[in-house]
Protein backbone atom coordinates (compact mmCIF):
# COMPACT_ATOMS: atom_id res chain seq x y z
CA MET A 1 131.07 48.70 94.62
CA ILE A 2 131.70 52.21 95.89
CA HIS A 3 130.14 53.90 98.91
CA TYR A 4 129.29 57.60 98.76
CA ASN A 5 128.03 60.08 101.31
CA LEU A 6 125.39 62.16 99.53
CA ARG A 7 123.71 65.51 100.15
CA CYS A 8 120.54 66.97 98.64
CA ASP A 9 119.99 70.64 97.80
CA GLU A 10 118.12 71.01 101.13
CA GLY A 11 121.25 69.95 103.04
CA HIS A 12 120.09 66.47 104.11
CA GLU A 13 122.90 63.92 104.21
CA PHE A 14 122.58 60.19 103.53
CA ASP A 15 124.66 57.44 101.96
CA SER A 16 124.37 54.89 99.18
CA TRP A 17 126.33 52.25 97.26
CA PHE A 18 127.02 52.35 93.51
CA ASN A 19 128.66 49.99 91.03
CA SER A 20 131.14 52.72 90.10
CA SER A 21 131.68 56.47 90.08
CA ALA A 22 130.24 56.50 86.54
CA GLY A 23 127.20 54.62 87.86
CA PHE A 24 126.58 57.39 90.37
CA GLU A 25 126.98 60.08 87.71
CA LYS A 26 124.58 58.28 85.35
CA GLN A 27 121.88 57.86 88.00
CA ALA A 28 122.26 61.46 89.20
CA LYS A 29 122.05 62.80 85.63
CA ARG A 30 118.86 60.78 84.96
CA GLY A 31 117.27 62.04 88.19
CA LEU A 32 117.08 58.54 89.67
CA LEU A 33 118.52 59.58 93.04
CA GLU A 34 116.22 61.02 95.68
CA CYS A 35 116.77 62.27 99.17
CA PRO A 36 115.07 59.88 101.61
CA HIS A 37 114.27 62.83 103.88
CA CYS A 38 112.59 65.27 101.49
CA GLY A 39 112.40 63.53 98.10
CA SER A 40 114.60 66.07 96.30
CA ALA A 41 116.19 64.72 93.12
CA LYS A 42 118.99 67.32 93.31
CA VAL A 43 121.58 65.06 94.92
CA ASP A 44 125.37 65.33 94.85
CA ARG A 45 128.29 63.68 96.58
CA ALA A 46 129.14 65.08 100.01
CA LEU A 47 132.61 65.45 101.46
CA MET A 48 133.77 62.08 102.78
CA THR A 49 136.33 61.32 105.43
CA PRO A 50 138.96 58.77 104.48
CA ASN A 51 138.97 55.40 106.18
CA VAL A 52 142.48 55.42 107.66
CA PRO A 53 143.59 52.66 110.04
CA ARG A 54 144.48 53.96 113.51
CA LYS A 55 147.63 51.99 114.04
CA GLY A 56 149.95 50.05 111.84
CA ARG A 57 149.99 49.95 108.09
CA ILE A 58 148.98 47.23 105.73
CA THR A 59 152.07 45.77 104.11
CA ALA A 60 152.66 43.13 101.47
CA ASP A 61 153.24 40.51 104.18
CA LYS A 62 150.18 41.69 106.15
CA PRO A 63 147.18 41.78 103.79
CA PRO A 64 143.98 43.51 104.83
CA PRO A 65 141.41 41.33 106.56
CA ALA A 66 138.68 39.96 104.31
CA PRO A 67 135.46 41.94 104.63
CA ALA A 68 132.71 40.18 106.52
CA THR A 69 129.80 39.05 104.38
CA PRO A 70 126.71 40.81 105.71
CA PRO A 71 123.81 38.50 106.53
CA VAL A 72 121.13 38.31 103.84
CA PRO A 73 117.70 38.99 105.33
CA SER A 74 114.93 36.54 104.53
CA ALA A 75 112.16 37.48 102.10
CA GLN A 76 109.72 37.53 105.03
CA ALA A 77 111.94 39.92 106.99
CA VAL A 78 112.23 42.24 104.00
CA GLU A 79 108.45 42.19 103.45
CA LYS A 80 107.86 42.88 107.15
CA MET A 81 110.20 45.88 106.97
CA ALA A 82 108.28 47.16 103.94
CA GLU A 83 105.02 47.22 105.94
CA HIS A 84 106.38 49.98 108.20
CA LEU A 85 107.97 52.28 105.65
CA PRO A 86 107.38 56.02 105.54
CA ASP A 87 105.44 57.17 102.46
CA GLN A 88 108.51 58.77 100.84
CA VAL A 89 110.53 55.58 101.19
CA ARG A 90 107.63 53.49 99.88
CA SER A 91 107.39 55.85 96.88
CA MET A 92 111.13 55.48 96.20
CA LEU A 93 110.85 51.69 96.37
CA GLN A 94 107.90 51.77 93.97
CA LYS A 95 110.04 53.77 91.53
CA LEU A 96 112.89 51.31 92.03
CA ARG A 97 110.53 48.39 91.34
CA ALA A 98 109.30 50.05 88.14
CA GLU A 99 112.91 50.58 86.96
CA VAL A 100 113.88 46.99 87.78
CA GLU A 101 110.84 45.60 85.95
CA LYS A 102 111.49 47.89 82.98
CA ASN A 103 115.23 47.25 82.63
CA CYS A 104 115.88 43.75 83.97
CA ASP A 105 114.85 40.21 83.05
CA TYR A 106 112.57 38.29 85.41
CA VAL A 107 114.06 34.82 85.96
CA GLY A 108 111.72 33.66 88.73
CA PRO A 109 112.91 30.89 91.05
CA GLU A 110 115.94 30.29 88.78
CA PHE A 111 117.56 33.49 90.09
CA ALA A 112 120.53 31.86 91.87
CA GLU A 113 121.37 29.61 88.93
CA GLU A 114 121.12 32.46 86.42
CA ALA A 115 123.23 34.76 88.62
CA ARG A 116 125.94 32.07 88.69
CA ARG A 117 125.79 31.63 84.89
CA ILE A 118 126.21 35.39 84.44
CA ALA A 119 129.08 35.52 86.96
CA LYS A 120 130.87 32.63 85.21
CA GLY A 121 130.42 34.23 81.79
CA GLU A 122 128.22 31.37 80.57
CA THR A 123 125.49 33.80 79.50
CA ASP A 124 125.36 37.46 78.53
CA PRO A 125 125.65 39.86 81.47
CA ARG A 126 122.39 41.65 82.20
CA GLY A 127 120.26 42.79 85.08
CA ILE A 128 118.03 40.07 86.46
CA TYR A 129 115.50 39.73 89.26
CA GLY A 130 113.57 36.85 90.75
CA GLU A 131 113.22 34.77 93.87
CA THR A 132 115.76 32.88 95.93
CA THR A 133 115.96 31.41 99.40
CA ALA A 134 118.02 32.97 102.16
CA GLU A 135 120.39 29.99 101.93
CA GLU A 136 120.86 30.45 98.16
CA ALA A 137 121.42 34.19 98.64
CA GLU A 138 124.01 33.47 101.34
CA ALA A 139 125.77 30.98 99.04
CA LEU A 140 125.88 33.56 96.23
CA ALA A 141 127.41 36.11 98.62
CA GLU A 142 130.03 33.58 99.77
CA GLU A 143 130.89 32.93 96.09
CA GLY A 144 131.49 36.67 95.62
CA ILE A 145 128.38 37.21 93.51
CA ASP A 146 126.81 40.55 94.45
CA ILE A 147 123.05 40.52 94.85
CA ALA A 148 120.63 42.77 96.65
CA ARG A 149 117.31 42.00 98.28
CA ILE A 150 114.89 44.91 98.19
CA PRO A 151 111.44 45.23 99.71
CA TRP A 152 109.12 44.37 96.81
CA VAL A 153 106.36 46.84 97.60
CA PRO A 154 103.09 46.90 95.63
CA ARG A 155 103.25 48.88 92.38
CA ALA A 156 102.37 52.56 92.55
CA ASP A 157 99.59 52.03 89.99
CA GLY A 158 97.80 49.28 91.81
């Protein structure tokens, strides 16, 4: 995963994560990126400052500390957050939902098991979505399997 600072053509700055630099380029080219402030689809990478440690250097005998695994919010917490979203954010999440439903396979409550099968190479890699408990999501994160929980807002058409 790669973290980018982004800027829209109106000068608003925000950040986002991407699978790769090519992933960013592909999404930007297809117009899938939108400014959360004004909704502009003209988004490009902004100048980023390097993350340089203040003192000491990482050496072969002093590896970098392992990144902390961020807590995975519960489905109820995510839904509660979605209730209080600004209209532009809700619209972006509706577009995201439509893209996920269009391009990924729904695996229902078997999400955690299917994510593990994909990670282990036991089944073809593909985008999936479904349901999982907070405990299962935490276990996937601890196993190094990247997942994301997004607010599943009602569809734009209904």
